[in-house]
Amino acid sequence: DASFFRPAVGACGDTNTVSDFVVAVSFEFFHSFGPQTNGNPMCDRRIQATAPGGKTVTVTVKDKCAACAHFDLDMSPAAFEQLADRSVGRIHAVKWHLL
């Protein structure tokens, strides 16, 4: 699934805004690449996400999401809106892969 959040200073140590194309991955997925936060190998990795209707967006990992399921994405509002209107709240069955 994909949802959205208001980014600020993320787990990667960078400050991002609602207009940046950034994403938080689940805590478990983030830390499967290493125990550290700043400097984690997931920081600055790019992800291409595709909604069920075929719309796609490319985002950069800048944070981790404690409330997300293992393969969920929590996107900035600008990124989420490339897939659906924010009024839907959550997009089910989003497919994604690391670039």
PDB file of N, CA and C in Angstrom:
ATOM      1  N   ASP A   1       0.829  -1.191   0.000  1.00  0.00           N
ATOM      2  CA  ASP A   1       0.000   0.000   0.000  1.00  0.00           C
ATOM      3  C   ASP A   1       0.869   1.249   0.000  1.00  0.00           C
ATOM      4  N   ALA A   2       0.301   2.341  -0.408  1.00  0.00           N
ATOM      5  CA  ALA A   2       0.980   3.635  -0.346  1.00  0.00           C
ATOM      6  C   ALA A   2       0.079   4.617   0.391  1.00  0.00           C
ATOM      7  N   SER A   3       0.693   5.396   1.240  1.00  0.00           N
ATOM      8  CA  SER A   3       0.011   6.466   1.969  1.00  0.00           C
ATOM      9  C   SER A   3       0.903   7.700   1.853  1.00  0.00           C
ATOM     10  N   PHE A   4       0.527   8.773   2.561  1.00  0.00           N
ATOM     11  CA  PHE A   4       1.368   9.967   2.505  1.00  0.00           C
ATOM     12  C   PHE A   4       1.536  10.564   3.895  1.00  0.00           C
ATOM     13  N   PHE A   5       2.606  11.338   4.039  1.00  0.00           N
ATOM     14  CA  PHE A   5       2.943  11.978   5.311  1.00  0.00           C
ATOM     15  C   PHE A   5       3.569  13.333   5.028  1.00  0.00           C
ATOM     16  N   ARG A   6       3.722  14.107   6.061  1.00  0.00           N
ATOM     17  CA  ARG A   6       4.354  15.424   5.935  1.00  0.00           C
ATOM     18  C   ARG A   6       5.830  15.285   6.307  1.00  0.00           C
ATOM     19  N   PRO A   7       6.711  15.292   5.310  1.00  0.00           N
ATOM     20  CA  PRO A   7       8.129  15.116   5.620  1.00  0.00           C
ATOM     21  C   PRO A   7       8.735  16.326   6.335  1.00  0.00           C
ATOM     22  N   ALA A   8       9.767  16.039   7.073  1.00  0.00           N
ATOM     23  CA  ALA A   8      10.552  17.074   7.763  1.00  0.00           C
ATOM     24  C   ALA A   8      11.992  16.533   7.766  1.00  0.00           C
ATOM     25  N   VAL A   9      12.632  16.466   8.931  1.00  0.00           N
ATOM     26  CA  VAL A   9      13.949  15.839   9.014  1.00  0.00           C
ATOM     27  C   VAL A   9      13.707  14.335   9.126  1.00  0.00           C
ATOM     28  N   GLY A  10      14.186  13.591   8.141  1.00  0.00           N
ATOM     29  CA  GLY A  10      13.948  12.155   8.112  1.00  0.00           C
ATOM     30  C   GLY A  10      15.076  11.355   8.718  1.00  0.00           C
ATOM     31  N   ALA A  11      14.905  10.038   8.709  1.00  0.00           N
ATOM     32  CA  ALA A  11      15.885   9.126   9.290  1.00  0.00           C
ATOM     33  C   ALA A  11      17.247   9.227   8.607  1.00  0.00           C
ATOM     34  N   CYS A  12      17.275   9.690   7.369  1.00  0.00           N
ATOM     35  CA  CYS A  12      18.543   9.827   6.645  1.00  0.00           C
ATOM     36  C   CYS A  12      19.264  11.127   6.979  1.00  0.00           C
ATOM     37  N   GLY A  13      18.644  11.974   7.820  1.00  0.00           N
ATOM     38  CA  GLY A  13      19.288  13.202   8.272  1.00  0.00           C
ATOM     39  C   GLY A  13      19.049  14.419   7.411  1.00  0.00           C
ATOM     40  N   ASP A  14      18.243  14.276   6.354  1.00  0.00           N
ATOM     41  CA  ASP A  14      17.968  15.391   5.454  1.00  0.00           C
ATOM     42  C   ASP A  14      16.610  16.014   5.770  1.00  0.00           C
ATOM     43  N   THR A  15      16.485  17.300   5.504  1.00  0.00           N
ATOM     44  CA  THR A  15      15.206  17.993   5.650  1.00  0.00           C
ATOM     45  C   THR A  15      14.516  18.027   4.297  1.00  0.00           C
ATOM     46  N   ASN A  16      13.272  17.548   4.265  1.00  0.00           N
ATOM     47  CA  ASN A  16      12.491  17.530   3.042  1.00  0.00           C
ATOM     48  C   ASN A  16      11.165  18.230   3.258  1.00  0.00           C
ATOM     49  N   THR A  17      10.513  18.595   2.153  1.00  0.00           N
ATOM     50  CA  THR A  17       9.245  19.316   2.218  1.00  0.00           C
ATOM     51  C   THR A  17       8.153  18.497   1.526  1.00  0.00           C
ATOM     52  N   VAL A  18       6.919  18.993   1.620  1.00  0.00           N
ATOM     53  CA  VAL A  18       5.779  18.309   1.010  1.00  0.00           C
ATOM     54  C   VAL A  18       5.876  18.272  -0.509  1.00  0.00           C
ATOM     55  N   SER A  19       6.680  19.147  -1.104  1.00  0.00           N
ATOM     56  CA  SER A  19       6.796  19.187  -2.560  1.00  0.00           C
ATOM     57  C   SER A  19       7.933  18.314  -3.100  1.00  0.00           C
ATOM     58  N   ASP A  20       8.761  17.764  -2.216  1.00  0.00           N
ATOM     59  CA  ASP A  20       9.840  16.870  -2.647  1.00  0.00           C
ATOM     60  C   ASP A  20       9.288  15.476  -2.947  1.00  0.00           C
ATOM     61  N   PHE A  21       9.881  14.793  -3.898  1.00  0.00           N
ATOM     62  CA  PHE A  21       9.447  13.441  -4.251  1.00  0.00           C
ATOM     63  C   PHE A  21      10.242  12.446  -3.411  1.00  0.00           C
ATOM     64  N   VAL A  22       9.828  12.305  -2.153  1.00  0.00           N
ATOM     65  CA  VAL A  22      10.526  11.454  -1.194  1.00  0.00           C
ATOM     66  C   VAL A  22       9.567  10.422  -0.616  1.00  0.00           C
ATOM     67  N   VAL A  23      10.164   9.402  -0.009  1.00  0.00           N
ATOM     68  CA  VAL A  23       9.372   8.302   0.538  1.00  0.00           C
ATOM     69  C   VAL A  23      10.015   7.779   1.813  1.00  0.00           C
ATOM     70  N   ALA A  24       9.163   7.271   2.691  1.00  0.00           N
ATOM     71  CA  ALA A  24       9.608   6.511   3.857  1.00  0.00           C
ATOM     72  C   ALA A  24       9.238   5.059   3.602  1.00  0.00           C
ATOM     73  N   VAL A  25      10.183   4.161   3.826  1.00  0.00           N
ATOM     74  CA  VAL A  25       9.911   2.725   3.734  1.00  0.00           C
ATOM     75  C   VAL A  25       9.720   2.203   5.154  1.00  0.00           C
ATOM     76  N   SER A  26       9.218   0.994   5.272  1.00  0.00           N
ATOM     77  CA  SER A  26       8.955   0.448   6.608  1.00  0.00           C
ATOM     78  C   SER A  26      10.246   0.339   7.414  1.00  0.00           C
ATOM     79  N   PHE A  27      10.083   0.437   8.716  1.00  0.00           N
ATOM     80  CA  PHE A  27      11.195   0.299   9.653  1.00  0.00           C
ATOM     81  C   PHE A  27      11.947  -1.004   9.374  1.00  0.00           C
ATOM     82  N   GLU A  28      11.196  -2.113   9.193  1.00  0.00           N
ATOM     83  CA  GLU A  28      11.809  -3.420   8.975  1.00  0.00           C
ATOM     84  C   GLU A  28      12.593  -3.458   7.667  1.00  0.00           C
ATOM     85  N   PHE A  29      12.005  -2.937   6.597  1.00  0.00           N
ATOM     86  CA  PHE A  29      12.687  -2.943   5.301  1.00  0.00           C
ATOM     87  C   PHE A  29      13.938  -2.067   5.364  1.00  0.00           C
ATOM     88  N   PHE A  30      13.808  -0.871   5.925  1.00  0.00           N
ATOM     89  CA  PHE A  30      14.927   0.066   6.054  1.00  0.00           C
ATOM     90  C   PHE A  30      16.096  -0.599   6.773  1.00  0.00           C
ATOM     91  N   HIS A  31      15.807  -1.235   7.909  1.00  0.00           N
ATOM     92  CA  HIS A  31      16.885  -1.797   8.720  1.00  0.00           C
ATOM     93  C   HIS A  31      17.343  -3.173   8.243  1.00  0.00           C
ATOM     94  N   SER A  32      16.678  -3.736   7.243  1.00  0.00           N
ATOM     95  CA  SER A  32      17.186  -4.988   6.670  1.00  0.00           C
ATOM     96  C   SER A  32      18.468  -4.726   5.873  1.00  0.00           C
ATOM     97  N   PHE A  33      18.763  -3.441   5.612  1.00  0.00           N
ATOM     98  CA  PHE A  33      19.978  -3.057   4.891  1.00  0.00           C
ATOM     99  C   PHE A  33      21.087  -2.598   5.826  1.00  0.00           C
ATOM    100  N   GLY A  34      20.810  -2.567   7.125  1.00  0.00           N
ATOM    101  CA  GLY A  34      21.818  -2.176   8.099  1.00  0.00           C
ATOM    102  C   GLY A  34      21.170  -1.571   9.325  1.00  0.00           C
ATOM    103  N   PRO A  35      21.864  -1.612  10.463  1.00  0.00           N
ATOM    104  CA  PRO A  35      21.276  -1.138  11.718  1.00  0.00           C
ATOM    105  C   PRO A  35      21.290   0.381  11.881  1.00  0.00           C
ATOM    106  N   GLN A  36      22.148   1.056  11.156  1.00  0.00           N
ATOM    107  CA  GLN A  36      22.301   2.497  11.334  1.00  0.00           C
ATOM    108  C   GLN A  36      21.141   3.260  10.690  1.00  0.00           C
ATOM    109  N   THR A  37      20.949   4.493  11.118  1.00  0.00           N
ATOM    110  CA  THR A  37      19.931   5.361  10.534  1.00  0.00           C
ATOM    111  C   THR A  37      20.621   6.255   9.516  1.00  0.00           C
ATOM    112  N   ASN A  38      21.259   7.351   9.959  1.00  0.00           N
ATOM    113  CA  ASN A  38      22.038   8.166   9.016  1.00  0.00           C
ATOM    114  C   ASN A  38      23.104   7.277   8.395  1.00  0.00           C
ATOM    115  N   GLY A  39      23.235   7.340   7.097  1.00  0.00           N
ATOM    116  CA  GLY A  39      24.218   6.514   6.415  1.00  0.00           C
ATOM    117  C   GLY A  39      23.732   5.111   6.097  1.00  0.00           C
ATOM    118  N   ASN A  40      22.477   4.811   6.360  1.00  0.00           N
ATOM    119  CA  ASN A  40      21.927   3.506   6.015  1.00  0.00           C
ATOM    120  C   ASN A  40      21.979   3.341   4.488  1.00  0.00           C
ATOM    121  N   PRO A  41      22.313   2.165   3.989  1.00  0.00           N
ATOM    122  CA  PRO A  41      22.372   1.968   2.536  1.00  0.00           C
ATOM    123  C   PRO A  41      21.060   2.260   1.799  1.00  0.00           C
ATOM    124  N   MET A  42      19.932   2.285   2.482  1.00  0.00           N
ATOM    125  CA  MET A  42      18.656   2.619   1.831  1.00  0.00           C
ATOM    126  C   MET A  42      18.526   4.126   1.587  1.00  0.00           C
ATOM    127  N   CYS A  43      19.247   4.935   2.337  1.00  0.00           N
ATOM    128  CA  CYS A  43      19.167   6.387   2.166  1.00  0.00           C
ATOM    129  C   CYS A  43      19.584   6.765   0.746  1.00  0.00           C
ATOM    130  N   ASP A  44      18.757   7.582   0.125  1.00  0.00           N
ATOM    131  CA  ASP A  44      18.974   8.095  -1.229  1.00  0.00           C
ATOM    132  C   ASP A  44      18.776   7.065  -2.334  1.00  0.00           C
ATOM    133  N   ARG A  45      18.312   5.842  -1.985  1.00  0.00           N
ATOM    134  CA  ARG A  45      17.949   4.884  -3.034  1.00  0.00           C
ATOM    135  C   ARG A  45      16.675   5.381  -3.695  1.00  0.00           C
ATOM    136  N   ARG A  46      16.535   5.100  -4.967  1.00  0.00           N
ATOM    137  CA  ARG A  46      15.343   5.526  -5.706  1.00  0.00           C
ATOM    138  C   ARG A  46      14.420   4.335  -5.899  1.00  0.00           C
ATOM    139  N   ILE A  47      13.125   4.626  -5.822  1.00  0.00           N
ATOM    140  CA  ILE A  47      12.084   3.613  -5.970  1.00  0.00           C
ATOM    141  C   ILE A  47      11.120   4.082  -7.048  1.00  0.00           C
ATOM    142  N   GLN A  48      10.724   3.158  -7.912  1.00  0.00           N
ATOM    143  CA  GLN A  48       9.640   3.459  -8.853  1.00  0.00           C
ATOM    144  C   GLN A  48       8.411   2.707  -8.371  1.00  0.00           C
ATOM    145  N   ALA A  49       7.334   3.452  -8.109  1.00  0.00           N
ATOM    146  CA  ALA A  49       6.077   2.879  -7.634  1.00  0.00           C
ATOM    147  C   ALA A  49       5.020   3.028  -8.712  1.00  0.00           C
ATOM    148  N   THR A  50       4.180   1.999  -8.842  1.00  0.00           N
ATOM    149  CA  THR A  50       3.122   1.990  -9.835  1.00  0.00           C
ATOM    150  C   THR A  50       1.800   1.664  -9.159  1.00  0.00           C
ATOM    151  N   ALA A  51       0.821   2.530  -9.363  1.00  0.00           N
ATOM    152  CA  ALA A  51      -0.527   2.324  -8.822  1.00  0.00           C
ATOM    153  C   ALA A  51      -1.287   1.350  -9.710  1.00  0.00           C
ATOM    154  N   PRO A  52      -2.365   0.738  -9.206  1.00  0.00           N
ATOM    155  CA  PRO A  52      -3.135  -0.208 -10.005  1.00  0.00           C
ATOM    156  C   PRO A  52      -3.601   0.338 -11.356  1.00  0.00           C
ATOM    157  N   GLY A  53      -3.867   1.620 -11.472  1.00  0.00           N
ATOM    158  CA  GLY A  53      -4.299   2.208 -12.741  1.00  0.00           C
ATOM    159  C   GLY A  53      -3.178   2.438 -13.734  1.00  0.00           C
ATOM    160  N   GLY A  54      -1.922   2.192 -13.322  1.00  0.00           N
ATOM    161  CA  GLY A  54      -0.790   2.331 -14.223  1.00  0.00           C
ATOM    162  C   GLY A  54       0.023   3.599 -14.062  1.00  0.00           C
ATOM    163  N   LYS A  55      -0.430   4.551 -13.244  1.00  0.00           N
ATOM    164  CA  LYS A  55       0.361   5.759 -13.013  1.00  0.00           C
ATOM    165  C   LYS A  55       1.605   5.395 -12.210  1.00  0.00           C
ATOM    166  N   THR A  56       2.730   6.062 -12.545  1.00  0.00           N
ATOM    167  CA  THR A  56       3.984   5.770 -11.846  1.00  0.00           C
ATOM    168  C   THR A  56       4.598   7.045 -11.284  1.00  0.00           C
ATOM    169  N   VAL A  57       5.448   6.856 -10.296  1.00  0.00           N
ATOM    170  CA  VAL A  57       6.223   7.951  -9.721  1.00  0.00           C
ATOM    171  C   VAL A  57       7.565   7.384  -9.266  1.00  0.00           C
ATOM    172  N   THR A  58       8.586   8.197  -9.373  1.00  0.00           N
ATOM    173  CA  THR A  58       9.911   7.833  -8.865  1.00  0.00           C
ATOM    174  C   THR A  58      10.200   8.709  -7.656  1.00  0.00           C
ATOM    175  N   VAL A  59      10.575   8.061  -6.556  1.00  0.00           N
ATOM    176  CA  VAL A  59      10.805   8.751  -5.285  1.00  0.00           C
ATOM    177  C   VAL A  59      12.150   8.345  -4.713  1.00  0.00           C
ATOM    178  N   THR A  60      12.655   9.156  -3.802  1.00  0.00           N
ATOM    179  CA  THR A  60      13.937   8.902  -3.149  1.00  0.00           C
ATOM    180  C   THR A  60      13.696   8.588  -1.679  1.00  0.00           C
ATOM    181  N   VAL A  61      14.314   7.528  -1.178  1.00  0.00           N
ATOM    182  CA  VAL A  61      14.164   7.123   0.223  1.00  0.00           C
ATOM    183  C   VAL A  61      14.889   8.126   1.115  1.00  0.00           C
ATOM    184  N   LYS A  62      14.138   8.734   2.033  1.00  0.00           N
ATOM    185  CA  LYS A  62      14.702   9.705   2.969  1.00  0.00           C
ATOM    186  C   LYS A  62      14.295   9.444   4.412  1.00  0.00           C
ATOM    187  N   ASP A  63      13.421   8.427   4.635  1.00  0.00           N
ATOM    188  CA  ASP A  63      12.902   8.219   5.988  1.00  0.00           C
ATOM    189  C   ASP A  63      12.445   6.778   6.142  1.00  0.00           C
ATOM    190  N   LYS A  64      12.134   6.406   7.393  1.00  0.00           N
ATOM    191  CA  LYS A  64      11.549   5.102   7.692  1.00  0.00           C
ATOM    192  C   LYS A  64      10.214   5.325   8.388  1.00  0.00           C
ATOM    193  N   CYS A  65       9.336   4.362   8.265  1.00  0.00           N
ATOM    194  CA  CYS A  65       7.968   4.476   8.759  1.00  0.00           C
ATOM    195  C   CYS A  65       7.701   3.358   9.763  1.00  0.00           C
ATOM    196  N   ALA A  66       7.529   3.709  11.018  1.00  0.00           N
ATOM    197  CA  ALA A  66       7.307   2.709  12.061  1.00  0.00           C
ATOM    198  C   ALA A  66       5.947   2.035  11.947  1.00  0.00           C
ATOM    199  N   ALA A  67       4.947   2.731  11.416  1.00  0.00           N
ATOM    200  CA  ALA A  67       3.588   2.179  11.336  1.00  0.00           C
ATOM    201  C   ALA A  67       3.314   1.428  10.039  1.00  0.00           C
ATOM    202  N   CYS A  68       4.268   1.405   9.127  1.00  0.00           N
ATOM    203  CA  CYS A  68       4.056   0.770   7.823  1.00  0.00           C
ATOM    204  C   CYS A  68       4.283  -0.743   7.890  1.00  0.00           C
ATOM    205  N   ALA A  69       3.505  -1.482   7.095  1.00  0.00           N
ATOM    206  CA  ALA A  69       3.768  -2.905   6.901  1.00  0.00           C
ATOM    207  C   ALA A  69       5.066  -3.031   6.093  1.00  0.00           C
ATOM    208  N   HIS A  70       5.632  -4.217   6.038  1.00  0.00           N
ATOM    209  CA  HIS A  70       6.970  -4.426   5.491  1.00  0.00           C
ATOM    210  C   HIS A  70       7.199  -3.793   4.112  1.00  0.00           C
ATOM    211  N   PHE A  71       6.263  -3.919   3.189  1.00  0.00           N
ATOM    212  CA  PHE A  71       6.464  -3.395   1.833  1.00  0.00           C
ATOM    213  C   PHE A  71       5.613  -2.170   1.515  1.00  0.00           C
ATOM    214  N   ASP A  72       5.056  -1.503   2.544  1.00  0.00           N
ATOM    215  CA  ASP A  72       4.303  -0.270   2.329  1.00  0.00           C
ATOM    216  C   ASP A  72       5.240   0.888   2.053  1.00  0.00           C
ATOM    217  N   LEU A  73       4.719   1.905   1.371  1.00  0.00           N
ATOM    218  CA  LEU A  73       5.446   3.146   1.121  1.00  0.00           C
ATOM    219  C   LEU A  73       4.652   4.301   1.708  1.00  0.00           C
ATOM    220  N   ASP A  74       5.324   5.203   2.375  1.00  0.00           N
ATOM    221  CA  ASP A  74       4.706   6.419   2.913  1.00  0.00           C
ATOM    222  C   ASP A  74       5.355   7.587   2.175  1.00  0.00           C
ATOM    223  N   MET A  75       4.599   8.219   1.286  1.00  0.00           N
ATOM    224  CA  MET A  75       5.147   9.212   0.364  1.00  0.00           C
ATOM    225  C   MET A  75       4.865  10.636   0.788  1.00  0.00           C
ATOM    226  N   SER A  76       5.661  11.547   0.275  1.00  0.00           N
ATOM    227  CA  SER A  76       5.341  12.964   0.414  1.00  0.00           C
ATOM    228  C   SER A  76       4.047  13.224  -0.360  1.00  0.00           C
ATOM    229  N   PRO A  77       3.295  14.261   0.023  1.00  0.00           N
ATOM    230  CA  PRO A  77       2.062  14.566  -0.710  1.00  0.00           C
ATOM    231  C   PRO A  77       2.272  14.763  -2.213  1.00  0.00           C
ATOM    232  N   ALA A  78       3.346  15.440  -2.610  1.00  0.00           N
ATOM    233  CA  ALA A  78       3.601  15.677  -4.037  1.00  0.00           C
ATOM    234  C   ALA A  78       3.782  14.360  -4.787  1.00  0.00           C
ATOM    235  N   ALA A  79       4.489  13.425  -4.189  1.00  0.00           N
ATOM    236  CA  ALA A  79       4.702  12.126  -4.833  1.00  0.00           C
ATOM    237  C   ALA A  79       3.405  11.328  -4.884  1.00  0.00           C
ATOM    238  N   PHE A  80       2.675  11.291  -3.773  1.00  0.00           N
ATOM    239  CA  PHE A  80       1.412  10.550  -3.715  1.00  0.00           C
ATOM    240  C   PHE A  80       0.447  11.040  -4.779  1.00  0.00           C
ATOM    241  N   GLU A  81       0.391  12.352  -4.958  1.00  0.00           N
ATOM    242  CA  GLU A  81      -0.547  12.936  -5.930  1.00  0.00           C
ATOM    243  C   GLU A  81      -0.229  12.566  -7.368  1.00  0.00           C
ATOM    244  N   GLN A  82       0.959  12.037  -7.639  1.00  0.00           N
ATOM    245  CA  GLN A  82       1.261  11.545  -8.978  1.00  0.00           C
ATOM    246  C   GLN A  82       0.539  10.222  -9.250  1.00  0.00           C
ATOM    247  N   LEU A  83       0.114   9.558  -8.167  1.00  0.00           N
ATOM    248  CA  LEU A  83      -0.578   8.276  -8.294  1.00  0.00           C
ATOM    249  C   LEU A  83      -2.082   8.393  -8.098  1.00  0.00           C
ATOM    250  N   ALA A  84      -2.495   9.281  -7.184  1.00  0.00           N
ATOM    251  CA  ALA A  84      -3.925   9.437  -6.875  1.00  0.00           C
ATOM    252  C   ALA A  84      -4.129  10.727  -6.093  1.00  0.00           C
ATOM    253  N   ASP A  85      -5.369  11.166  -6.026  1.00  0.00           N
ATOM    254  CA  ASP A  85      -5.713  12.333  -5.216  1.00  0.00           C
ATOM    255  C   ASP A  85      -5.547  11.981  -3.741  1.00  0.00           C
ATOM    256  N   ARG A  86      -5.080  12.931  -2.969  1.00  0.00           N
ATOM    257  CA  ARG A  86      -4.881  12.679  -1.535  1.00  0.00           C
ATOM    258  C   ARG A  86      -6.167  12.291  -0.814  1.00  0.00           C
ATOM    259  N   SER A  87      -7.326  12.641  -1.388  1.00  0.00           N
ATOM    260  CA  SER A  87      -8.591  12.324  -0.733  1.00  0.00           C
ATOM    261  C   SER A  87      -8.819  10.816  -0.600  1.00  0.00           C
ATOM    262  N   VAL A  88      -8.119   9.987  -1.411  1.00  0.00           N
ATOM    263  CA  VAL A  88      -8.278   8.534  -1.271  1.00  0.00           C
ATOM    264  C   VAL A  88      -7.567   8.018  -0.024  1.00  0.00           C
ATOM    265  N   GLY A  89      -6.585   8.764   0.469  1.00  0.00           N
ATOM    266  CA  GLY A  89      -5.918   8.416   1.721  1.00  0.00           C
ATOM    267  C   GLY A  89      -4.880   7.315   1.612  1.00  0.00           C
ATOM    268  N   ARG A  90      -5.240   6.216   0.976  1.00  0.00           N
ATOM    269  CA  ARG A  90      -4.350   5.052   0.863  1.00  0.00           C
ATOM    270  C   ARG A  90      -4.624   4.385  -0.478  1.00  0.00           C
ATOM    271  N   ILE A  91      -3.559   3.969  -1.139  1.00  0.00           N
ATOM    272  CA  ILE A  91      -3.690   3.247  -2.397  1.00  0.00           C
ATOM    273  C   ILE A  91      -3.273   1.804  -2.140  1.00  0.00           C
ATOM    274  N   HIS A  92      -4.183   0.874  -2.384  1.00  0.00           N
ATOM    275  CA  HIS A  92      -3.894  -0.535  -2.183  1.00  0.00           C
ATOM    276  C   HIS A  92      -3.235  -1.114  -3.442  1.00  0.00           C
ATOM    277  N   ALA A  93      -2.479  -2.168  -3.243  1.00  0.00           N
ATOM    278  CA  ALA A  93      -1.871  -2.950  -4.326  1.00  0.00           C
ATOM    279  C   ALA A  93      -0.889  -2.149  -5.180  1.00  0.00           C
ATOM    280  N   VAL A  94      -0.185  -1.209  -4.561  1.00  0.00           N
ATOM    281  CA  VAL A  94       0.884  -0.496  -5.272  1.00  0.00           C
ATOM    282  C   VAL A  94       2.067  -1.440  -5.428  1.00  0.00           C
ATOM    283  N   LYS A  95       2.606  -1.490  -6.620  1.00  0.00           N
ATOM    284  CA  LYS A  95       3.800  -2.301  -6.878  1.00  0.00           C
ATOM    285  C   LYS A  95       4.992  -1.356  -6.971  1.00  0.00           C
ATOM    286  N   TRP A  96       6.141  -1.786  -6.477  1.00  0.00           N
ATOM    287  CA  TRP A  96       7.323  -0.931  -6.545  1.00  0.00           C
ATOM    288  C   TRP A  96       8.588  -1.773  -6.618  1.00  0.00           C
ATOM    289  N   HIS A  97       9.644  -1.121  -7.084  1.00  0.00           N
ATOM    290  CA  HIS A  97      10.951  -1.762  -7.113  1.00  0.00           C
ATOM    291  C   HIS A  97      12.043  -0.704  -6.961  1.00  0.00           C
ATOM    292  N   LEU A  98      13.171  -1.163  -6.462  1.00  0.00           N
ATOM    293  CA  LEU A  98      14.332  -0.280  -6.336  1.00  0.00           C
ATOM    294  C   LEU A  98      14.951  -0.061  -7.700  1.00  0.00           C
ATOM    295  N   LEU A  99      15.397   1.151  -7.950  1.00  0.00           N
ATOM    296  CA  LEU A  99      16.084   1.463  -9.208  1.00  0.00           C
ATOM    297  C   LEU A  99      17.589   1.394  -9.012  1.00  0.00           C
TER     298      LEU A  99
END
